[in-house]
N, C-alpha and C. Protein backbone atom coordinates (compact mmCIF):
# COMPACT_ATOMS: atom_id res chain seq x y z
N MET A 1 1.47 -4.90 21.11
CA MET A 1 2.41 -5.04 20.02
C MET A 1 3.18 -3.72 19.88
N ASP A 2 4.50 -3.80 19.73
CA ASP A 2 5.27 -2.57 19.64
C ASP A 2 5.17 -1.96 18.23
N THR A 3 5.64 -0.73 18.10
CA THR A 3 5.51 0.01 16.86
C THR A 3 6.22 -0.68 15.70
N LEU A 4 7.41 -1.22 15.94
CA LEU A 4 8.15 -1.90 14.89
C LEU A 4 7.40 -3.13 14.39
N ALA A 5 6.84 -3.90 15.30
CA ALA A 5 6.06 -5.08 14.91
C ALA A 5 4.81 -4.66 14.15
N GLN A 6 4.15 -3.59 14.58
CA GLN A 6 2.97 -3.10 13.87
C GLN A 6 3.34 -2.69 12.46
N SER A 7 4.46 -1.99 12.31
CA SER A 7 4.92 -1.55 11.00
C SER A 7 5.20 -2.75 10.10
N GLY A 8 5.87 -3.76 10.62
CA GLY A 8 6.17 -4.96 9.84
C GLY A 8 4.91 -5.68 9.41
N ASP A 9 3.93 -5.77 10.31
CA ASP A 9 2.64 -6.38 9.98
C ASP A 9 1.94 -5.59 8.89
N ARG A 10 1.94 -4.27 9.02
CA ARG A 10 1.30 -3.42 8.00
C ARG A 10 1.98 -3.61 6.65
N ILE A 11 3.30 -3.63 6.65
CA ILE A 11 4.03 -3.79 5.38
C ILE A 11 3.69 -5.12 4.73
N THR A 12 3.62 -6.18 5.50
CA THR A 12 3.25 -7.50 4.96
C THR A 12 1.85 -7.46 4.35
N ARG A 13 0.91 -6.87 5.05
CA ARG A 13 -0.47 -6.78 4.56
C ARG A 13 -0.56 -5.89 3.32
N ILE A 14 0.15 -4.78 3.33
CA ILE A 14 0.16 -3.87 2.17
C ILE A 14 0.78 -4.56 0.96
N THR A 15 1.89 -5.25 1.17
CA THR A 15 2.56 -5.95 0.07
C THR A 15 1.63 -6.98 -0.55
N ARG A 16 0.90 -7.72 0.29
CA ARG A 16 -0.03 -8.73 -0.24
C ARG A 16 -1.10 -8.06 -1.11
N ILE A 17 -1.67 -6.96 -0.63
CA ILE A 17 -2.71 -6.26 -1.37
C ILE A 17 -2.17 -5.73 -2.69
N VAL A 18 -1.04 -5.07 -2.64
CA VAL A 18 -0.46 -4.50 -3.85
C VAL A 18 -0.12 -5.60 -4.85
N SER A 19 0.50 -6.66 -4.39
CA SER A 19 0.87 -7.74 -5.31
C SER A 19 -0.36 -8.39 -5.94
N ASP A 20 -1.44 -8.52 -5.17
CA ASP A 20 -2.68 -9.07 -5.72
C ASP A 20 -3.21 -8.18 -6.85
N HIS A 21 -3.23 -6.88 -6.63
CA HIS A 21 -3.81 -5.95 -7.61
C HIS A 21 -2.90 -5.70 -8.80
N LEU A 22 -1.59 -5.82 -8.61
CA LEU A 22 -0.66 -5.64 -9.73
C LEU A 22 -0.35 -6.97 -10.40
N GLU A 23 -0.93 -8.05 -9.87
CA GLU A 23 -0.79 -9.40 -10.41
C GLU A 23 0.67 -9.84 -10.51
N ILE A 24 1.38 -9.63 -9.38
CA ILE A 24 2.76 -10.09 -9.26
C ILE A 24 2.91 -10.82 -7.93
N GLU A 25 3.95 -11.59 -7.81
CA GLU A 25 4.20 -12.30 -6.57
C GLU A 25 4.71 -11.31 -5.51
N PRO A 26 4.34 -11.51 -4.25
CA PRO A 26 4.80 -10.59 -3.20
C PRO A 26 6.31 -10.42 -3.14
N ASP A 27 7.07 -11.48 -3.45
CA ASP A 27 8.53 -11.36 -3.38
C ASP A 27 9.11 -10.66 -4.61
N GLU A 28 8.26 -10.29 -5.56
CA GLU A 28 8.71 -9.56 -6.75
C GLU A 28 8.63 -8.05 -6.57
N ILE A 29 8.17 -7.59 -5.41
CA ILE A 29 8.05 -6.15 -5.18
C ILE A 29 8.81 -5.77 -3.91
N ALA A 30 9.75 -4.86 -4.07
CA ALA A 30 10.54 -4.35 -2.95
C ALA A 30 9.82 -3.14 -2.35
N PRO A 31 10.11 -2.82 -1.09
CA PRO A 31 9.43 -1.69 -0.44
C PRO A 31 9.56 -0.37 -1.17
N THR A 32 10.62 -0.19 -1.96
CA THR A 32 10.79 1.09 -2.66
C THR A 32 10.55 0.99 -4.17
N ASP A 33 10.09 -0.18 -4.65
CA ASP A 33 9.71 -0.28 -6.06
C ASP A 33 8.51 0.62 -6.30
N ARG A 34 8.57 1.40 -7.35
CA ARG A 34 7.46 2.30 -7.68
C ARG A 34 6.41 1.52 -8.47
N PHE A 35 5.18 1.66 -8.05
CA PHE A 35 4.09 0.89 -8.65
C PHE A 35 3.97 1.13 -10.15
N VAL A 36 3.97 2.39 -10.56
CA VAL A 36 3.77 2.73 -11.97
C VAL A 36 5.05 2.48 -12.77
N GLU A 37 6.13 3.10 -12.36
CA GLU A 37 7.37 3.04 -13.13
C GLU A 37 8.00 1.66 -13.15
N ASP A 38 8.00 0.96 -12.02
CA ASP A 38 8.68 -0.34 -11.94
C ASP A 38 7.78 -1.53 -12.26
N HIS A 39 6.46 -1.36 -12.08
CA HIS A 39 5.56 -2.51 -12.25
C HIS A 39 4.40 -2.24 -13.21
N GLY A 40 4.37 -1.07 -13.84
CA GLY A 40 3.38 -0.79 -14.88
C GLY A 40 1.95 -0.66 -14.40
N ALA A 41 1.77 -0.28 -13.14
CA ALA A 41 0.40 -0.13 -12.61
C ALA A 41 -0.33 1.00 -13.34
N ASP A 42 -1.60 0.77 -13.63
CA ASP A 42 -2.42 1.83 -14.22
C ASP A 42 -3.35 2.39 -13.15
N SER A 43 -4.09 3.43 -13.51
CA SER A 43 -4.93 4.11 -12.53
C SER A 43 -6.01 3.19 -11.98
N LEU A 44 -6.54 2.29 -12.78
CA LEU A 44 -7.57 1.36 -12.31
C LEU A 44 -6.99 0.42 -11.24
N ALA A 45 -5.79 -0.06 -11.46
CA ALA A 45 -5.15 -0.94 -10.47
C ALA A 45 -4.90 -0.18 -9.17
N LEU A 46 -4.48 1.08 -9.28
CA LEU A 46 -4.21 1.88 -8.09
C LEU A 46 -5.48 2.17 -7.30
N ILE A 47 -6.58 2.41 -7.99
CA ILE A 47 -7.86 2.61 -7.30
C ILE A 47 -8.27 1.32 -6.59
N GLY A 48 -8.03 0.18 -7.23
CA GLY A 48 -8.30 -1.11 -6.59
C GLY A 48 -7.47 -1.31 -5.35
N VAL A 49 -6.19 -0.92 -5.41
CA VAL A 49 -5.31 -1.00 -4.24
C VAL A 49 -5.87 -0.12 -3.13
N LEU A 50 -6.25 1.09 -3.46
CA LEU A 50 -6.80 2.03 -2.48
C LEU A 50 -8.03 1.44 -1.79
N ALA A 51 -8.95 0.90 -2.56
CA ALA A 51 -10.17 0.32 -1.99
C ALA A 51 -9.85 -0.88 -1.10
N ALA A 52 -8.92 -1.72 -1.53
CA ALA A 52 -8.54 -2.89 -0.73
C ALA A 52 -7.85 -2.47 0.57
N LEU A 53 -7.02 -1.42 0.50
CA LEU A 53 -6.37 -0.91 1.71
C LEU A 53 -7.40 -0.39 2.70
N GLU A 54 -8.38 0.34 2.19
CA GLU A 54 -9.44 0.86 3.06
C GLU A 54 -10.17 -0.27 3.77
N ALA A 55 -10.48 -1.33 3.03
CA ALA A 55 -11.19 -2.47 3.61
C ALA A 55 -10.31 -3.22 4.62
N GLU A 56 -9.07 -3.45 4.26
CA GLU A 56 -8.14 -4.20 5.12
C GLU A 56 -7.86 -3.48 6.43
N PHE A 57 -7.64 -2.17 6.34
CA PHE A 57 -7.24 -1.41 7.52
C PHE A 57 -8.41 -0.65 8.16
N LYS A 58 -9.59 -0.79 7.56
CA LYS A 58 -10.80 -0.15 8.09
C LYS A 58 -10.59 1.36 8.31
N VAL A 59 -10.10 2.01 7.24
CA VAL A 59 -9.86 3.45 7.24
C VAL A 59 -10.41 4.06 5.96
N GLY A 60 -10.57 5.36 5.97
CA GLY A 60 -10.92 6.09 4.76
C GLY A 60 -9.67 6.78 4.25
N ILE A 61 -9.35 6.57 2.98
CA ILE A 61 -8.18 7.20 2.38
C ILE A 61 -8.66 8.06 1.22
N ASP A 62 -8.41 9.35 1.31
CA ASP A 62 -8.80 10.27 0.25
C ASP A 62 -8.02 9.95 -1.01
N GLN A 63 -8.69 9.99 -2.17
CA GLN A 63 -8.01 9.66 -3.43
C GLN A 63 -6.83 10.58 -3.71
N SER A 64 -6.83 11.77 -3.12
CA SER A 64 -5.70 12.68 -3.34
C SER A 64 -4.40 12.11 -2.76
N GLU A 65 -4.53 11.17 -1.82
CA GLU A 65 -3.35 10.53 -1.22
C GLU A 65 -2.63 9.61 -2.22
N LEU A 66 -3.31 9.23 -3.31
CA LEU A 66 -2.67 8.36 -4.30
C LEU A 66 -1.38 8.95 -4.83
N ARG A 67 -1.29 10.27 -4.93
CA ARG A 67 -0.06 10.90 -5.41
C ARG A 67 1.12 10.58 -4.51
N ARG A 68 0.88 10.45 -3.22
CA ARG A 68 1.92 10.12 -2.25
C ARG A 68 2.21 8.63 -2.20
N MET A 69 1.24 7.82 -2.57
CA MET A 69 1.32 6.37 -2.40
C MET A 69 1.94 5.73 -3.64
N THR A 70 3.26 5.89 -3.77
CA THR A 70 3.95 5.44 -4.97
C THR A 70 4.68 4.12 -4.81
N ASP A 71 4.88 3.69 -3.56
CA ASP A 71 5.57 2.44 -3.28
C ASP A 71 5.08 1.90 -1.94
N ILE A 72 5.51 0.71 -1.58
CA ILE A 72 5.08 0.07 -0.34
C ILE A 72 5.39 0.96 0.87
N SER A 73 6.58 1.51 0.90
CA SER A 73 6.99 2.33 2.04
C SER A 73 6.11 3.56 2.22
N SER A 74 5.78 4.23 1.12
CA SER A 74 4.95 5.44 1.23
C SER A 74 3.50 5.08 1.58
N VAL A 75 3.03 3.94 1.11
CA VAL A 75 1.68 3.49 1.49
C VAL A 75 1.65 3.21 2.99
N GLU A 76 2.67 2.55 3.50
CA GLU A 76 2.73 2.25 4.93
C GLU A 76 2.72 3.54 5.74
N GLN A 77 3.43 4.54 5.26
CA GLN A 77 3.47 5.83 5.96
C GLN A 77 2.09 6.49 5.99
N VAL A 78 1.38 6.47 4.87
CA VAL A 78 0.04 7.06 4.80
C VAL A 78 -0.91 6.31 5.76
N ILE A 79 -0.86 4.99 5.74
CA ILE A 79 -1.72 4.18 6.62
C ILE A 79 -1.40 4.49 8.09
N ALA A 80 -0.11 4.60 8.41
CA ALA A 80 0.29 4.91 9.80
C ALA A 80 -0.22 6.29 10.21
N GLU A 81 -0.13 7.25 9.32
CA GLU A 81 -0.60 8.61 9.63
C GLU A 81 -2.12 8.62 9.86
N ILE A 82 -2.84 7.92 9.03
CA ILE A 82 -4.31 7.86 9.18
C ILE A 82 -4.67 7.17 10.48
N GLY A 83 -3.96 6.10 10.80
CA GLY A 83 -4.22 5.38 12.04
C GLY A 83 -3.90 6.17 13.28
N ALA A 84 -3.01 7.14 13.15
CA ALA A 84 -2.61 7.96 14.30
C ALA A 84 -3.57 9.12 14.55
N ARG A 85 -4.47 9.36 13.61
CA ARG A 85 -5.41 10.48 13.75
C ARG A 85 -6.48 10.18 14.76
């Protein structure tokens, strides 16, 4: 699978996880919508997203990364960086 296809697959999976934890439909969240400011996510929801991402992608994500993980695009970037290690 090429890098672009991998990225698209990751974004789809991330969007599903985020929408589940923020209790919104996947088509209601754009890649650059901010979880807190645009969708009212609280810290408990964000921790749930983090745990679900770790399980889905079989990676460990340090909680300090939450500061960077503000939207779908930034989450995809963090996951890609961890996968490249």
